Structure formats: structure tokens, C-alpha cells
Protein backbone atom coordinates (compact mmCIF):
# COMPACT_ATOMS: atom_id res chain seq x y z
CA MET A 1 73.70 188.99 184.69
CA ALA A 2 72.71 188.60 181.02
CA ARG A 3 69.14 187.74 180.14
CA PRO A 4 68.70 184.20 178.74
CA GLN A 5 68.36 184.04 174.97
CA LYS A 6 64.74 183.64 173.87
CA GLU A 7 64.33 180.71 171.46
CA GLY A 8 60.62 180.90 170.65
CA LEU A 9 58.97 183.32 168.22
CA GLU A 10 56.40 186.01 168.95
CA TYR A 11 54.74 185.45 165.58
CA PHE A 12 54.86 183.28 162.47
CA PRO A 13 53.45 184.00 158.99
CA ILE A 14 50.52 182.08 157.48
CA VAL A 15 49.97 182.04 153.73
CA THR A 16 46.67 183.23 152.24
CA SER A 17 46.01 179.90 150.50
CA PHE A 18 46.97 176.46 151.72
CA ASP A 19 48.52 173.67 149.68
CA GLU A 20 46.84 170.34 148.92
CA LYS A 21 48.12 168.63 152.09
CA ILE A 22 46.40 171.13 154.35
CA GLU A 23 43.30 171.20 152.15
CA LEU A 24 43.00 167.41 152.50
CA ILE A 25 43.04 167.77 156.29
CA VAL A 26 40.28 170.39 156.06
CA ALA A 27 38.30 168.19 153.66
CA GLU A 28 38.51 165.24 156.06
CA PHE A 29 38.15 166.97 159.43
CA GLY A 30 36.56 170.32 158.58
CA PRO A 31 37.57 173.67 160.09
CA GLU A 32 38.41 171.91 163.37
CA GLY A 33 41.22 170.06 161.60
CA LEU A 34 42.70 173.33 160.36
CA GLY A 35 42.39 174.81 163.85
CA ILE A 36 44.30 171.86 165.30
CA ILE A 37 47.13 172.26 162.76
CA ILE A 38 47.45 175.99 163.37
CA GLY A 39 47.35 175.35 167.12
CA LEU A 40 50.23 172.89 166.76
CA PHE A 41 52.22 175.41 164.73
CA GLN A 42 51.62 178.04 167.41
CA ARG A 43 52.94 175.72 170.10
CA ILE A 44 55.96 174.75 168.00
CA TYR A 45 56.98 178.31 167.09
CA SER A 46 56.43 179.57 170.62
CA ASN A 47 58.96 176.94 171.72
CA SER A 48 61.38 177.27 168.76
CA TYR A 49 61.44 175.04 165.69
CA TYR A 50 60.10 171.84 167.30
CA MET A 51 58.06 170.60 170.25
CA ASN A 52 58.11 167.38 172.24
CA TRP A 53 54.93 165.35 171.86
CA ASN A 54 53.66 162.77 174.33
CA GLU A 55 50.53 161.90 176.31
CA ASP A 56 51.02 164.80 178.74
CA THR A 57 51.57 167.28 175.92
CA LEU A 58 48.42 166.01 174.22
CA LEU A 59 46.39 166.46 177.40
CA LEU A 60 47.63 170.03 177.96
CA PHE A 61 47.18 170.93 174.29
CA CYS A 62 43.54 169.80 174.36
CA SER A 63 42.69 171.40 177.71
CA LYS A 64 44.57 174.71 177.50
CA HIS A 65 45.24 175.57 173.88
CA ILE A 66 42.41 174.18 171.78
CA ASN A 67 38.89 172.98 172.47
CA ALA A 68 39.08 169.53 170.87
CA GLU A 69 38.81 165.90 171.93
CA LYS A 70 42.03 163.89 172.25
CA THR A 71 40.81 161.34 169.71
CA LYS A 72 40.26 164.09 167.13
CA VAL A 73 43.69 165.63 167.74
CA ASN A 74 45.28 162.18 167.47
CA ALA A 75 43.49 161.48 164.19
CA VAL A 76 44.56 164.82 162.69
CA LEU A 77 48.16 164.33 163.85
CA ILE A 78 48.33 160.86 162.29
CA LYS A 79 47.25 162.30 158.94
CA CYS A 80 49.77 165.14 159.32
CA LEU A 81 52.56 162.61 159.80
CA GLU A 82 51.25 160.45 156.97
CA ARG A 83 51.18 163.44 154.58
CA ASN A 84 54.56 164.80 155.71
CA ILE A 85 53.20 167.98 157.25
CA PHE A 86 55.38 166.90 160.18
CA ASN A 87 58.51 164.77 159.76
CA LYS A 88 57.56 161.19 160.58
CA ASP A 89 61.13 159.94 161.08
CA LEU A 90 61.92 162.48 163.80
CA TYR A 91 58.58 161.88 165.50
CA GLU A 92 59.15 158.12 165.65
CA GLN A 93 62.79 158.41 166.72
CA TYR A 94 62.70 161.36 169.12
CA GLY A 95 59.01 162.05 169.81
CA ILE A 96 59.11 165.59 168.38
CA LEU A 97 56.98 167.53 165.90
CA THR A 98 58.88 169.55 163.30
CA SER A 99 59.48 169.75 159.55
CA SER A 100 61.90 171.23 157.06
CA GLY A 101 59.41 173.99 156.28
CA ILE A 102 58.97 174.87 159.96
CA GLN A 103 62.73 175.02 160.50
CA LYS A 104 63.28 177.23 157.46
CA GLN A 105 60.52 179.59 158.52
CA TYR A 106 62.00 179.73 162.02
CA LEU A 107 65.48 180.53 160.69
CA LYS A 108 64.10 183.18 158.33
CA VAL A 109 62.38 184.99 161.20
CA CYS A 110 65.56 184.72 163.29
CA LYS A 111 67.56 186.17 160.40
CA ASP A 112 65.11 189.02 159.79
CA SER A 113 65.07 189.89 163.51
CA ARG A 114 68.90 189.75 163.57
CA ARG A 115 69.21 187.28 166.38
CA LYS A 116 72.82 186.89 167.40
CA SER A 117 72.48 183.38 168.80
CA VAL A 118 70.50 180.58 167.14
CA GLN A 119 70.98 177.09 168.55
CA PHE A 120 69.96 173.88 166.79
CA ILE A 121 70.11 170.25 167.85
CA GLN A 122 72.10 168.38 165.25
CA GLU A 123 69.90 165.27 165.24
CA TYR A 124 66.76 167.38 164.68
CA CYS A 125 68.19 169.56 161.91
CA LEU A 126 66.56 169.08 158.49
CA ILE A 127 68.25 172.08 156.83
CA LYS A 128 70.86 171.18 154.25
CA GLN A 129 74.27 172.80 154.52
CA ASN A 130 74.04 174.25 151.01
CA ASN A 131 70.97 176.24 152.04
CA GLU A 132 71.81 179.85 152.92
CA LEU A 133 69.56 179.64 155.98
CA PHE A 134 71.92 177.02 157.43
CA ASN A 135 74.41 179.85 158.03
CA VAL A 136 71.93 181.51 160.41
CA ILE A 137 72.63 178.68 162.89
CA THR A 138 75.40 179.81 165.24
CA GLU A 139 75.63 176.70 167.39
CA LEU A 140 74.88 173.02 166.75
CA THR A 141 74.52 170.79 169.79
CA SER A 142 74.19 167.04 170.04
CA ILE A 143 71.65 165.16 172.13
CA ASN A 144 74.31 162.83 173.50
CA ALA A 145 77.51 164.87 173.56
CA GLY A 146 76.38 168.35 174.54
CA ILE A 147 77.86 171.23 172.53
CA THR A 148 79.86 170.04 169.54
CA PRO A 149 82.54 172.22 167.93
CA GLU A 150 81.21 173.74 164.73
CA ASN A 151 84.00 172.44 162.46
CA ASP A 152 83.57 168.92 163.79
CA VAL A 153 79.83 169.14 163.21
CA MET A 154 80.27 170.16 159.59
CA SER A 155 82.73 167.34 158.97
CA THR A 156 80.53 164.76 160.70
CA GLN A 157 77.40 165.87 158.86
CA SER A 158 79.19 165.69 155.50
CA LYS A 159 80.34 162.13 156.16
CA GLU A 160 76.90 161.06 157.37
CA LYS A 161 75.17 162.56 154.35
CA GLU A 162 77.61 160.89 151.92
CA SER A 163 76.92 157.52 153.56
CA LYS A 164 73.16 158.02 153.56
CA GLU A 165 73.13 159.10 149.92
CA LYS A 166 74.81 155.84 148.93
CA LYS A 167 72.30 153.74 150.86
CA SER A 168 69.12 155.59 149.99
CA LYS A 169 67.30 156.02 146.72
CA GLU A 170 66.96 159.45 145.19
CA LYS A 171 64.01 161.31 146.60
CA LYS A 172 62.40 164.49 145.31
CA THR A 173 61.77 167.45 147.59
CA THR A 174 58.95 169.50 146.13
CA THR A 175 58.21 173.13 146.94
CA VAL A 176 54.63 174.35 146.75
CA ASP A 177 53.76 178.04 147.01
CA GLY A 178 50.53 177.35 148.88
CA ASP A 179 52.02 175.43 151.83
CA ILE A 180 51.35 176.84 155.27
CA ASN A 181 55.15 176.94 155.71
CA ALA A 182 55.97 177.50 152.02
CA GLU A 183 57.51 174.03 151.59
CA ILE A 184 56.66 170.35 151.53
CA THR A 185 58.54 168.35 154.13
CA PRO A 186 61.06 165.82 152.76
CA SER A 187 59.97 162.21 152.38
CA ASN A 188 60.09 159.67 155.19
CA ASP A 189 63.18 158.05 153.67
CA GLU A 190 65.19 161.26 154.03
CA HIS A 191 67.58 159.65 156.48
CA GLY A 192 68.22 156.68 154.20
CA THR A 193 67.15 153.96 156.64
CA ASP A 194 65.10 150.90 155.82
CA PRO A 195 61.82 150.70 157.75
CA ASP A 196 61.79 148.36 160.74
CA PRO A 197 59.14 145.64 160.15
CA PHE A 198 57.86 145.97 163.73
CA VAL A 199 57.53 149.76 163.43
CA GLU A 200 56.02 149.43 159.97
CA VAL A 201 53.29 147.10 161.26
CA LEU A 202 52.46 149.31 164.25
CA ASN A 203 52.36 152.43 162.09
CA TYR A 204 50.04 150.72 159.64
CA TYR A 205 47.65 149.61 162.38
CA CYS A 206 47.71 153.07 164.01
CA MET A 207 46.90 154.63 160.65
CA LYS A 208 43.92 152.30 160.13
CA ALA A 209 42.68 152.70 163.72
CA ALA A 210 43.34 156.48 163.80
CA VAL A 211 45.31 156.25 167.04
CA LEU A 212 48.84 157.25 168.07
CA GLU A 213 51.42 154.63 168.96
CA ILE A 214 51.81 156.16 172.43
CA ASN A 215 48.27 154.96 173.18
CA LEU A 216 49.02 151.29 172.49
CA LYS A 217 49.22 148.89 175.42
CA PRO A 218 52.20 146.59 176.23
CA LYS A 219 50.20 143.49 175.20
CA GLU A 220 49.67 145.02 171.76
CA TYR A 221 53.41 145.59 171.34
CA GLU A 222 54.11 142.00 172.35
CA THR A 223 51.50 140.68 169.89
CA ALA A 224 53.03 142.72 167.07
CA ARG A 225 56.54 141.45 167.87
CA LEU A 226 55.41 137.81 167.84
CA LEU A 227 53.55 138.22 164.55
CA VAL A 228 56.47 140.01 162.83
CA ALA A 229 58.80 137.20 163.96
CA GLU A 230 56.90 134.56 161.97
CA ILE A 231 54.70 136.29 159.39
CA PRO A 232 55.70 138.57 156.47
CA VAL A 233 54.78 142.24 156.88
CA SER A 234 52.73 142.18 153.67
CA VAL A 235 50.53 139.40 155.06
CA ILE A 236 50.15 141.18 158.42
CA LYS A 237 49.06 144.36 156.65
CA LYS A 238 46.61 142.40 154.54
CA GLY A 239 45.19 140.82 157.69
CA ILE A 240 44.80 144.24 159.31
CA ASP A 241 42.95 145.41 156.19
CA GLU A 242 40.62 142.40 156.38
CA ALA A 243 39.97 142.99 160.07
CA PHE A 244 38.89 146.59 159.50
CA THR A 245 36.98 145.82 156.30
CA ASN A 246 34.94 143.02 157.87
CA TYR A 247 34.41 144.58 161.29
CA LYS A 248 30.72 145.07 162.09
CA PRO A 249 30.07 147.69 164.81
CA LYS A 250 27.59 146.58 167.45
CA PHE A 251 26.53 150.16 168.22
CA ASP A 252 27.14 153.72 167.07
CA GLY A 253 30.79 154.63 167.67
CA ASP A 254 31.89 151.01 168.15
CA LYS A 255 35.26 150.30 166.53
CA ILE A 256 38.38 148.13 166.76
CA LYS A 257 40.11 149.21 169.95
CA SER A 258 43.13 146.91 170.09
CA PHE A 259 45.75 145.48 167.76
CA ASN A 260 45.08 142.13 169.43
CA TYR A 261 41.71 142.03 167.68
CA CYS A 262 43.60 141.55 164.40
CA ARG A 263 45.85 138.77 165.73
CA ASP A 264 43.75 135.68 164.96
CA ILE A 265 42.60 137.10 161.64
CA ILE A 266 46.23 137.64 160.60
CA LYS A 267 47.16 134.11 161.70
CA ALA A 268 44.22 132.61 159.80
CA LEU A 269 45.23 134.52 156.67
CA TRP A 270 48.84 133.33 157.07
CA GLU A 271 47.70 129.71 157.26
CA LYS A 272 45.69 130.27 154.10
CA GLU A 273 48.72 131.78 152.37
CA LYS A 274 50.92 128.85 153.40
CA ILE A 275 48.38 126.39 151.97
CA LYS A 276 48.39 128.27 148.68
CA GLU A 277 52.18 128.22 148.60
CA ALA A 278 52.27 124.48 149.35
CA ASN A 279 49.81 123.81 146.53
CA ILE A 280 51.94 125.81 144.10
CA VAL A 281 55.06 123.88 145.11
CA GLY A 282 53.18 120.60 144.71
CA ASP A 283 52.00 121.55 141.23
CA ASN A 284 55.56 122.46 140.19
CA ARG A 285 56.81 119.05 141.33
CA GLY A 286 54.15 117.21 139.37
CA TYR A 287 52.08 116.17 142.39
CA PRO A 288 48.31 116.35 142.12
CA GLU A 289 46.69 119.05 144.22
CA SER A 290 45.12 117.67 147.35
CA LYS A 291 41.46 118.48 147.70
CA ASN A 292 41.88 118.63 151.45
CA ASN A 293 44.59 121.26 151.10
CA SER A 294 42.73 123.40 148.64
CA SER A 295 42.14 126.93 149.90
CA GLU A 296 39.40 127.68 147.37
CA GLY A 297 36.10 128.61 148.93
CA VAL A 298 37.53 128.97 152.43
CA GLU A 299 35.54 131.47 154.45
CA TYR A 300 36.38 132.89 157.84
CA ASP A 301 33.93 133.94 160.49
CA PHE A 302 35.37 137.26 161.63
CA SER A 303 32.64 137.80 164.20
CA LYS A 304 34.21 135.30 166.59
CA TYR A 305 37.20 137.59 167.01
CA GLY A 306 35.17 140.50 168.37
CA GLY A 307 35.70 142.00 171.80
CA LYS A 308 39.36 140.98 172.12
């Protein structure tokens, strides 16, 4: 009976100097931030070219592989996704951590070690067909349909890429010599899809609160859905900014712990915006501005929203 093909790597190379993305993580989180990133790369390469990421994975990563608090790992990971160290689209869609640079490094090691079988999941693949490393892949499989014939995969990918190129704007993929994986991951719009307003709002809040979406509660999801249904995303983001800017901690370490804290502040801001819009419309029609409707000098007491 043949031994199963090993997919993970025994080693991966690290450059002697990091690029600006990694340096920003170190500047913000110190050496612990760098240790978390390298720990994540170790876990990814030991698996293959990606790893699944969820609450259980986070717990095991913190307890077995690195001595760090979950909140710190979450904060570092959010910045890694924000700065394209890991591909944000694939994380949001499939819950995996990977990048174009990671995949290229993985394929290069497989090529140098002369592996005869290299399997890739089609939906996770960020390597372009015109890249010579793409030829290292011997088998492309699909999440939904199992193993897909190679010729059909090539044809399908070509059609999908042509469609996406028509829908998406041109994006630059920059290569930097100092990157930990010798390449900057493509932009978030790589797949040519418009951002979902609901996802955009949650991502923005998670970025401000330094938490991962998997840690949000069902009530927070429901609040976000209701707000997105009636209020423009730009206003919701502005309300989130105001909530965090005006928040006054009651003790050391106190912070906004729920998206629901921002709810009433966002609604108050939306009412203010609607009053402004009504006044503008009234002025354009020749009506005098109502003093009662004027939004000038309106102040909001943000303290009453605390603890929710």
C-alpha cells in the first residue's frame, strides 16, 4: 500500500529584511506581533499553502504554538488582513488564511523538491495561469464537485477571469524584495466583486474594535442588518467613528465591546443627516429654512449609550 502524499512542508524560507507591511506590524505590536505572524506561517506551511481559521484554531494556536493572548492574536490578524499579508477575500468567503506569496513559495519548494503530486483547490488558487509556477500544480480540485478534469479547469478559469476582468477595475500587483514571502498579496478586489454593504459595515467595526467577525454575537449581526437596510454605509461608518472617538473608558482596559453600542449613535447621526438634506431641499425650492429643523449646534450626549 502506497504511503499518502505529504502536502505540508518541512521548512520555509524567511528573508533577512522584511517589507513595510511586516515592519508596520512590528511597529504596532512589537516583537510579539512578528512572532505571531511567523507562527501563522509555520502553521500554514506545515499544512500546505493555507490553513482553516476559526475559534477552535485560534484557541489551539494560542495554547500550543505561541504564548500569546487571543485578543492580541486577533488584533494582529485583523491588521494582516487589512494590509493584505493574508488574502481578505478568501478569509471572508472560506475562512482560510493564505496569500499569493504563500502559494508561490509553497509551489517553489514543491518544485525544488521534485514532488510528483501537488494538489490545489481551485477556489483557493491565487496563482495566475501565465505564471510558470502554475505548471507545478498537477491536480486542481473543486470544493463542490470533487476532482475536476484538468482541461475543464483551465477552460473554466479562463472564462471566469475574462468575466471578472470586465467587471473589475485594473489593480496593480506590486512585488517587494523585502516581503517575508517575496511578494505583496493582490488587492481585495482581485476577484472583481463589489463589497457587500453588510460585510463592509461589519469589517469596518471589527477593524475599529480590533476583534474578529467570528467573535460577534447574533444580536450584533441582526443590528447590522437592520441598520444597513435603512441607512447608507457611509453614514454607518461615520457613526462608528463617532462612537469610538467619543467613548470615555470608565477604567483601565475598558472599551467598546459590542456593535450594539454604536446603534443609537448611528441612528442619531442619520436623523441629523436627514434634517440637513431636508433643509437643502427646502432652500432649493425657495422655502425659508425652519429654525426648528436646523441642525446647527446640535450636540449629542454619547455617555447615555454606554454599557449596551
